[in-house]
Structure formats: C-alpha cells, structure tokens
Amino acid sequence: MQKIVSIKCPKCNNNHSFYRYGKDKYGHQKYLCRNCNHQFAPDNPVSKQMQNYPRCPVCGKATFLHHDYDFYSNFRCCDKKCNHSLFIAKPNSILPASMSKLIGKTDFKRMRYPLHIIITALSMFYLGKNSFRNIALILRVVNNVKVSHTTISNWCKKFAPLFNNFTLELMPMMNFNSDEWHADETVVKIAGKKYYIWFVIDSETRFVLGFHLSPYRDSEQAFTIFNSVKNLGTVNSIVSDRYSAYKMPIKSVLGENVKHIRVESFKDDISNNLIESFHHQFKAWYKTKQGFNSYDSANNLISMFVFFYNFVRPHSSLSGLTPAQVAGLSLTDKEKKKYLLIA
C-alpha cells in the first residue's frame, strides 16, 4: 500500500504541486515548490526549526545567513530584486573594553594623609605636567606635608575604580545624542612595547565617551570600543580616518542608520581634528611620564586622566565649562563634594 505524505511549502503554504529535487546532505528527500521555487526537506528536523533571522529593513521580507564571522553575521534578503545585505554584531563574542578592567581601591578608608592632600596631588598630576617628585616637593614647600613620590604614584593609580564608579553614576544624568562622534587611536609605550589606545569623543560636548587599551590594532579592538559606547546615546555619523578596521564594526554594532565618514585629508569639510586635538593634550600629559611600567597601571592612569578631562578640567573652547557640564550635568555644591568635583 502506498504511503501518503502530507507536504506543505513552508514559504507559500502550497500543498498540491511539487517536484522531487534530490536529497540533502543528511539523506532526506528534498522538494521544489512549483509555485514559489522554494526548496525544502520536510523530513529533516533541522529544516523544521524556525530560524531567528532578522527581517529585511528595506522590503520587510525574510533573510538568510550569507556569511557568519567571529564578531558579526551577514544576512541577505531572500528577494533577489532587493538583495539587501544586513550586518548584525554578536555582543557575546565581543570582549569588554579595558576601561571596565580597573584594579584598586573604591574608597579613601585607612589613608594616612587627609583627603584634600590626596585630591590636590591628583589634580596636579592629571591637570598639569608635574612629575611625582615635583608634586612631593610642592606639597612639602607649600603645605608643609612630607610625602614620598612613590606614595603619590600609588595614589594616582589605586583610586581609578573609585572615580570610575563616579563616572558610572553621573553618566545617566548627561545627554550624548549627537550628530557626530569621532573615533581614532594613538600609540603609547608600556614597558618599552608599543600599545594602542582607542578613543571615542562626542563632537558637541568634547566628552570622552570611552577608551580601550590593547596591544593590537585590528578590527576586533574596534568592535570592543564601539560596543562599549553604543548605549550611551544616539548618533547620526561616526568620523574616523581611512583605517579599514572601523568600517565593519560601525556598520554592525551601531547600525546601518549611522553614517560612517572616512576623512581623506585635512582639506575636507568634515575633519577628525577634534580628536587629534585631544590626542595632542593626551600626549602632552603622557610624555612627562616617559612611558608606563605595566598594563594595569597604564589602564588605571589613563582612566583617571579621562575622568579629570571630562569632569574637572575647564575647556576654553567650551566657554570655560567642562565637557560634563556641556553634556547637561548640573550638580549642587553638596553633590559636587560627594563626587570630589570641588574641595
């Protein structure tokens, strides 16, 4: 007795006209729908599972996985007339940025020296170009406080997690919706070896949204830095140089609606001078350190520099305000003392 099998096309729901179309790689019978030319294998349990693929943003039709990479997937529209490509990032595969890996103290408990002496030393180090020995000399002459330059060095490193917690508390109070974010990387030396530090800056507020310190300069690091700042606000365009590592992370992490402006020369209407100016200030501070001793200390020091740049240091281009104030941060005197923004 002939076995009757009920077959239905999963695409157009046709249930009466098919061609036998060979077998798939698992040995299951394939069929070709005469109505929509869709191929399927009803006996294959894998084909029965609904794939959670995104819809085409152009025509709204289904998509298929065209290429699968380590940090993103490339989907393409099933409609050959549309043939739109869609890039989706894999957040679980992207490593966290170095600014989230700080080591040190989260309070000022059990400190030998008064708090205002510690804050004064930190301000002289991160706002000026003073060395640890010069800061120790100034404290001894001006405040009559004898403190070792090694102790000041430890202060400048160990309190990075504390100030990072302040940053995380203050970020929701600010608005980073902007027309442009600028991205670029620069070189620093750690124990004589070359490392790369990646920055993203808001063009309207001059606020440093994030950084990432890495020994490598590739697309994986660009995925990391953009994934760490993608939820801070909405942006219309990203401005970067011609380095190809930025192209795919911007398209897949920030979305297709974000325009990527790749600057070719300084004569363009839109340039990357804003972040280059920030690099100039960062390098002026960095050169007095003559390099960093270890990755952890470099990561902590850079994190503290970014905090003082965003919240403490007034900018002449911002009418004497800090980037945080331009971004909408308004605190009372009591709140400023809580976050150590005033003495």
Protein backbone atom coordinates (compact mmCIF):
# COMPACT_ATOMS: atom_id res chain seq x y z
CA MET A 1 0.00 0.00 0.00
CA GLN A 2 1.43 3.39 -1.00
CA LYS A 3 2.24 5.75 1.87
CA ILE A 4 0.59 9.14 1.56
CA VAL A 5 2.67 12.01 2.97
CA SER A 6 1.17 15.44 3.59
CA ILE A 7 3.56 18.08 2.26
CA LYS A 8 3.23 21.85 2.52
CA CYS A 9 5.63 24.52 1.32
CA PRO A 10 6.88 26.45 4.39
CA LYS A 11 7.17 29.65 2.35
CA CYS A 12 3.90 29.96 0.37
CA ASN A 13 1.80 27.19 2.04
CA ASN A 14 1.32 25.40 -1.29
CA ASN A 15 0.17 21.79 -0.66
CA HIS A 16 -0.51 20.25 -4.09
CA SER A 17 2.26 20.88 -6.67
CA PHE A 18 5.89 19.85 -6.04
CA TYR A 19 8.89 18.32 -7.76
CA ARG A 20 11.19 15.81 -6.14
CA TYR A 21 14.52 17.63 -6.01
CA GLY A 22 17.14 15.09 -4.89
CA LYS A 23 18.33 14.70 -1.30
CA ASP A 24 20.06 16.96 1.14
CA LYS A 25 23.43 16.24 2.79
CA TYR A 26 21.69 14.25 5.54
CA GLY A 27 19.93 11.93 3.07
CA HIS A 28 16.44 13.44 3.43
CA GLN A 29 14.20 13.87 0.38
CA LYS A 30 14.07 17.43 -0.93
CA TYR A 31 11.17 19.03 -2.77
CA LEU A 32 10.88 22.04 -5.06
CA CYS A 33 7.72 24.08 -4.84
CA ARG A 34 6.26 24.71 -8.31
CA ASN A 35 4.58 27.86 -7.08
CA CYS A 36 7.49 29.80 -5.50
CA ASN A 37 10.54 27.62 -6.39
CA HIS A 38 11.38 27.18 -2.71
CA GLN A 39 13.47 24.12 -1.80
CA PHE A 40 12.80 22.25 1.43
CA ALA A 41 13.19 18.86 3.10
CA PRO A 42 10.15 18.12 5.30
CA ASP A 43 11.70 15.00 6.87
CA ASN A 44 14.75 16.93 8.09
CA PRO A 45 14.13 18.07 11.70
CA VAL A 46 16.66 20.89 11.26
CA SER A 47 14.59 22.44 8.49
CA LYS A 48 11.51 22.48 10.72
CA GLN A 49 13.17 24.72 13.27
CA MET A 50 12.33 28.37 12.83
CA GLN A 51 15.50 30.41 12.35
CA ASN A 52 15.51 33.66 14.31
CA TYR A 53 16.78 35.71 11.40
CA PRO A 54 16.01 39.44 11.12
CA ARG A 55 13.65 40.84 8.53
CA CYS A 56 14.98 42.89 5.66
CA PRO A 57 14.80 46.58 6.70
CA VAL A 58 14.20 47.65 3.09
CA CYS A 59 11.36 45.39 1.88
CA GLY A 60 10.39 43.58 5.09
CA LYS A 61 10.87 40.09 3.67
CA ALA A 62 12.79 37.19 5.20
CA THR A 63 16.59 36.98 5.13
CA PHE A 64 19.09 34.14 5.05
CA LEU A 65 22.54 33.81 6.60
CA HIS A 66 25.01 34.70 3.88
CA HIS A 67 28.25 34.66 5.92
CA ASP A 68 28.94 34.03 9.60
CA TYR A 69 32.06 35.64 11.09
CA ASP A 70 33.57 35.72 14.58
CA PHE A 71 32.08 39.05 15.67
CA TYR A 72 29.18 39.64 13.27
CA SER A 73 26.81 37.85 10.87
CA ASN A 74 25.97 38.91 7.33
CA PHE A 75 22.34 38.36 6.35
CA ARG A 76 20.93 38.88 2.86
CA CYS A 77 17.38 39.44 1.69
CA CYS A 78 15.67 36.40 0.11
CA ASP A 79 14.18 38.61 -2.59
CA LYS A 80 16.68 38.67 -5.43
CA LYS A 81 15.33 42.00 -6.65
CA CYS A 82 16.08 43.59 -3.27
CA ASN A 83 19.26 41.63 -2.41
CA HIS A 84 19.92 43.90 0.59
CA SER A 85 22.78 42.93 2.95
CA LEU A 86 22.33 43.29 6.70
CA PHE A 87 25.16 43.11 9.27
CA ILE A 88 24.38 42.10 12.86
CA ALA A 89 27.02 42.12 15.63
CA LYS A 90 27.48 39.28 18.12
CA PRO A 91 27.69 41.02 21.53
CA ASN A 92 28.56 37.79 23.35
CA SER A 93 31.67 37.34 21.20
CA ILE A 94 32.99 40.89 21.70
CA LEU A 95 35.42 41.33 24.59
CA PRO A 96 34.83 44.14 27.14
CA ALA A 97 36.88 47.33 26.88
CA SER A 98 39.91 47.84 29.11
CA MET A 99 38.19 50.77 30.88
CA SER A 100 35.99 48.19 32.64
CA LYS A 101 39.00 46.25 33.99
CA LEU A 102 40.36 48.60 36.64
CA ILE A 103 42.20 47.39 39.75
CA GLY A 104 42.47 49.35 43.01
CA LYS A 105 40.51 50.97 45.85
CA THR A 106 36.92 52.11 45.81
CA ASP A 107 37.11 54.35 48.89
CA PHE A 108 39.52 56.52 50.94
CA LYS A 109 39.39 54.43 54.11
CA ARG A 110 42.57 53.79 56.13
CA MET A 111 44.52 56.53 54.36
CA ARG A 112 47.38 58.14 56.31
CA TYR A 113 47.05 61.60 54.74
CA PRO A 114 44.00 63.92 54.67
CA LEU A 115 41.64 63.73 51.72
CA HIS A 116 42.33 67.27 50.49
CA ILE A 117 46.07 66.49 50.23
CA ILE A 118 45.34 63.42 48.09
CA ILE A 119 42.95 65.35 45.82
CA THR A 120 45.50 68.16 45.48
CA ALA A 121 48.18 65.68 44.41
CA LEU A 122 45.85 64.02 41.91
CA SER A 123 44.85 67.39 40.44
CA MET A 124 48.48 68.50 40.00
CA PHE A 125 49.29 65.22 38.27
CA TYR A 126 46.32 64.95 35.90
CA LEU A 127 45.67 68.63 35.19
CA GLY A 128 49.30 69.68 34.83
CA LYS A 129 52.59 68.24 33.64
CA ASN A 130 54.14 67.67 37.05
CA SER A 131 56.16 64.61 37.90
CA PHE A 132 55.68 62.72 41.15
CA ARG A 133 58.88 64.23 42.59
CA ASN A 134 57.76 67.78 41.72
CA ILE A 135 54.38 67.19 43.36
CA ALA A 136 56.08 65.89 46.50
CA LEU A 137 58.30 69.00 46.53
CA ILE A 138 55.34 71.38 46.12
CA LEU A 139 53.40 69.69 48.91
CA ARG A 140 56.40 69.95 51.22
CA VAL A 141 57.08 73.62 50.44
CA VAL A 142 53.50 74.94 50.19
CA ASN A 143 51.56 72.69 52.59
CA ASN A 144 54.41 71.52 54.84
CA VAL A 145 53.41 67.91 54.18
CA LYS A 146 56.17 65.36 53.74
CA VAL A 147 55.03 62.63 51.38
CA SER A 148 57.12 60.32 49.24
CA HIS A 149 56.90 60.49 45.45
CA THR A 150 56.26 56.73 45.48
CA THR A 151 53.19 57.27 47.66
CA ILE A 152 51.88 59.89 45.24
CA SER A 153 52.45 57.45 42.39
CA ASN A 154 50.35 54.86 44.20
CA TRP A 155 47.59 57.43 44.79
CA CYS A 156 47.39 58.22 41.09
CA LYS A 157 46.90 54.55 40.26
CA LYS A 158 44.92 52.93 43.06
CA PHE A 159 41.86 55.23 43.07
CA ALA A 160 40.89 54.59 39.42
CA PRO A 161 37.99 52.21 40.32
CA LEU A 162 36.57 54.82 42.72
CA PHE A 163 36.47 57.57 40.10
CA ASN A 164 35.18 55.10 37.51
CA ASN A 165 32.23 54.39 39.84
CA PHE A 166 31.61 58.14 39.99
CA THR A 167 31.56 58.22 36.19
CA LEU A 168 29.03 55.36 36.01
CA GLU A 169 26.75 57.20 38.45
CA LEU A 170 26.97 60.51 36.59
CA MET A 171 26.62 59.22 33.01
CA PRO A 172 22.79 58.78 33.15
CA MET A 173 22.49 62.48 34.09
CA MET A 174 24.00 63.59 30.76
CA ASN A 175 22.84 63.61 27.16
CA PHE A 176 25.16 62.32 24.44
CA ASN A 177 22.74 62.36 21.49
CA SER A 178 24.84 63.99 18.82
CA ASP A 179 25.35 64.49 15.11
CA GLU A 180 28.92 63.19 15.20
CA TRP A 181 31.19 61.02 17.29
CA HIS A 182 34.88 60.95 16.48
CA ALA A 183 37.00 57.81 16.75
CA ASP A 184 40.74 57.35 16.48
CA GLU A 185 43.66 55.50 18.05
CA THR A 186 47.14 56.52 19.15
CA VAL A 187 50.31 54.78 20.34
CA VAL A 188 51.70 54.55 23.88
CA LYS A 189 54.64 52.63 25.27
CA ILE A 190 54.25 50.11 28.12
CA ALA A 191 57.49 48.60 29.42
CA GLY A 192 59.13 49.55 26.12
CA LYS A 193 56.48 47.80 23.97
CA LYS A 194 54.04 49.51 21.64
CA TYR A 195 50.35 49.55 22.65
CA TYR A 196 47.35 51.21 21.05
CA ILE A 197 44.72 53.23 22.86
CA TRP A 198 41.35 53.77 21.15
CA PHE A 199 39.17 56.81 21.97
CA VAL A 200 35.62 57.86 21.05
CA ILE A 201 34.70 61.55 21.62
CA ASP A 202 31.41 63.41 21.25
CA SER A 203 31.84 66.36 18.88
CA GLU A 204 29.31 68.64 20.61
CA THR A 205 30.42 68.24 24.22
CA ARG A 206 34.07 67.15 23.78
CA PHE A 207 33.25 64.36 26.24
CA VAL A 208 35.43 61.23 26.03
CA LEU A 209 32.79 58.50 25.81
CA GLY A 210 35.17 55.59 26.17
CA PHE A 211 38.66 54.21 25.66
CA HIS A 212 40.27 50.84 25.12
CA LEU A 213 43.94 49.92 25.62
CA SER A 214 45.22 46.99 23.58
CA PRO A 215 48.49 45.60 22.18
CA TYR A 216 46.75 45.09 18.83
CA ARG A 217 45.42 47.41 16.14
CA ASP A 218 42.77 45.42 14.30
CA SER A 219 39.05 45.16 13.73
CA GLU A 220 38.49 43.17 16.93
CA GLN A 221 39.56 46.16 19.05
CA ALA A 222 37.25 48.47 17.06
CA PHE A 223 34.36 46.11 17.81
CA THR A 224 35.24 46.35 21.50
CA ILE A 225 35.35 50.15 21.74
CA PHE A 226 32.13 50.74 19.76
CA ASN A 227 30.27 48.02 21.66
CA SER A 228 31.20 49.74 24.94
CA VAL A 229 29.73 53.13 23.91
CA LYS A 230 26.77 52.13 21.73
CA ASN A 231 24.20 52.52 24.55
CA LEU A 232 25.34 55.98 25.70
CA GLY A 233 23.25 57.85 23.14
CA THR A 234 22.13 58.08 19.53
CA VAL A 235 24.47 59.40 16.87
CA ASN A 236 23.98 60.23 13.21
CA SER A 237 27.53 59.69 11.96
CA ILE A 238 30.94 58.42 13.03
CA VAL A 239 34.03 60.30 11.85
CA SER A 240 37.27 58.34 11.54
CA ASP A 241 40.36 58.13 9.38
CA ARG A 242 40.76 55.79 6.40
CA TYR A 243 41.73 52.79 8.52
CA SER A 244 39.67 49.82 7.29
CA ALA A 245 39.22 48.31 10.79
CA TYR A 246 36.46 50.84 11.56
CA LYS A 247 34.24 50.02 8.61
CA MET A 248 32.55 46.77 9.66
CA PRO A 249 32.28 47.46 13.45
CA ILE A 250 30.45 50.75 12.82
CA LYS A 251 28.06 49.13 10.36
CA SER A 252 27.24 46.08 12.52
CA VAL A 253 27.44 47.45 16.09
CA LEU A 254 25.93 50.93 15.65
CA GLY A 255 23.53 50.02 12.84
CA GLU A 256 23.05 50.89 9.21
CA ASN A 257 21.40 54.22 10.01
CA VAL A 258 24.71 55.56 11.36
CA LYS A 259 26.74 57.13 8.58
CA HIS A 260 30.47 56.42 8.50
CA ILE A 261 32.52 59.44 7.38
CA ARG A 262 36.07 58.44 6.44
CA VAL A 263 38.27 61.52 6.36
CA GLU A 264 40.73 61.58 3.48
CA SER A 265 42.60 64.82 4.10
CA PHE A 266 42.63 67.89 6.32
CA LYS A 267 41.08 69.89 3.47
CA ASP A 268 37.74 68.06 3.74
CA ASP A 269 34.68 69.92 5.05
CA ILE A 270 34.44 67.37 7.90
CA SER A 271 37.75 66.53 9.56
CA ASN A 272 38.95 64.50 12.51
CA ASN A 273 40.80 67.47 14.02
CA LEU A 274 38.73 67.37 17.20
CA ILE A 275 40.08 64.03 18.37
CA GLU A 276 43.54 64.88 17.03
CA SER A 277 43.48 67.92 19.32
CA PHE A 278 42.57 65.66 22.21
CA HIS A 279 45.48 63.37 21.32
CA HIS A 280 47.75 66.41 21.47
CA GLN A 281 46.63 67.13 25.04
CA PHE A 282 46.88 63.48 25.99
CA LYS A 283 50.39 63.15 24.56
CA ALA A 284 51.50 66.35 26.33
CA TRP A 285 50.50 64.71 29.62
CA TYR A 286 51.82 61.30 28.61
CA LYS A 287 55.30 62.45 27.57
CA THR A 288 56.09 63.64 31.08
CA LYS A 289 55.57 60.03 32.27
CA GLN A 290 58.16 58.63 29.82
CA GLY A 291 56.01 55.56 29.23
CA PHE A 292 54.16 53.22 31.57
CA ASN A 293 55.55 50.35 33.63
CA SER A 294 52.71 47.84 33.28
CA TYR A 295 49.41 47.34 31.50
CA ASP A 296 47.32 47.59 34.70
CA SER A 297 48.98 50.83 35.85
CA ALA A 298 48.65 52.33 32.36
CA ASN A 299 44.97 51.40 32.22
CA ASN A 300 44.34 52.98 35.64
CA LEU A 301 46.30 56.15 34.86
CA ILE A 302 44.51 56.69 31.54
CA SER A 303 41.14 56.13 33.22
CA MET A 304 41.94 58.80 35.81
CA PHE A 305 43.15 61.21 33.10
CA VAL A 306 39.86 60.77 31.23
CA PHE A 307 37.86 61.47 34.41
CA PHE A 308 39.70 64.73 35.10
CA TYR A 309 39.41 65.69 31.42
CA ASN A 310 35.63 65.10 31.39
CA PHE A 311 34.57 66.37 34.81
CA VAL A 312 37.25 68.64 36.31
CA ARG A 313 39.24 70.45 33.65
CA PRO A 314 37.53 73.56 32.14
CA HIS A 315 37.92 73.99 28.37
CA SER A 316 38.43 77.34 26.68
CA SER A 317 36.59 76.09 23.56
CA LEU A 318 33.57 75.35 25.77
CA SER A 319 33.45 78.85 27.33
CA GLY A 320 35.25 77.72 30.45
CA LEU A 321 32.94 74.77 31.10
CA THR A 322 33.79 71.10 31.46
CA PRO A 323 32.55 68.56 28.88
CA ALA A 324 30.25 67.10 31.55
CA GLN A 325 28.61 70.48 32.14
CA VAL A 326 28.06 70.97 28.40
CA ALA A 327 26.50 67.49 28.28
CA GLY A 328 23.91 68.62 30.81
CA LEU A 329 25.45 67.71 34.18
CA SER A 330 24.15 70.09 36.86
CA LEU A 331 25.05 69.31 40.48
CA THR A 332 24.54 71.12 43.75
CA ASP A 333 27.52 72.01 45.93
CA LYS A 334 26.73 69.06 48.19
CA GLU A 335 26.68 66.66 45.22
CA LYS A 336 29.93 68.12 43.89
CA LYS A 337 31.61 67.41 47.23
CA LYS A 338 30.23 63.87 47.12
CA TYR A 339 31.82 63.23 43.73
CA LEU A 340 35.02 65.13 44.69
CA LEU A 341 34.49 67.74 41.96
CA ILE A 342 35.16 70.60 44.40
CA ALA A 343 37.30 70.79 47.53
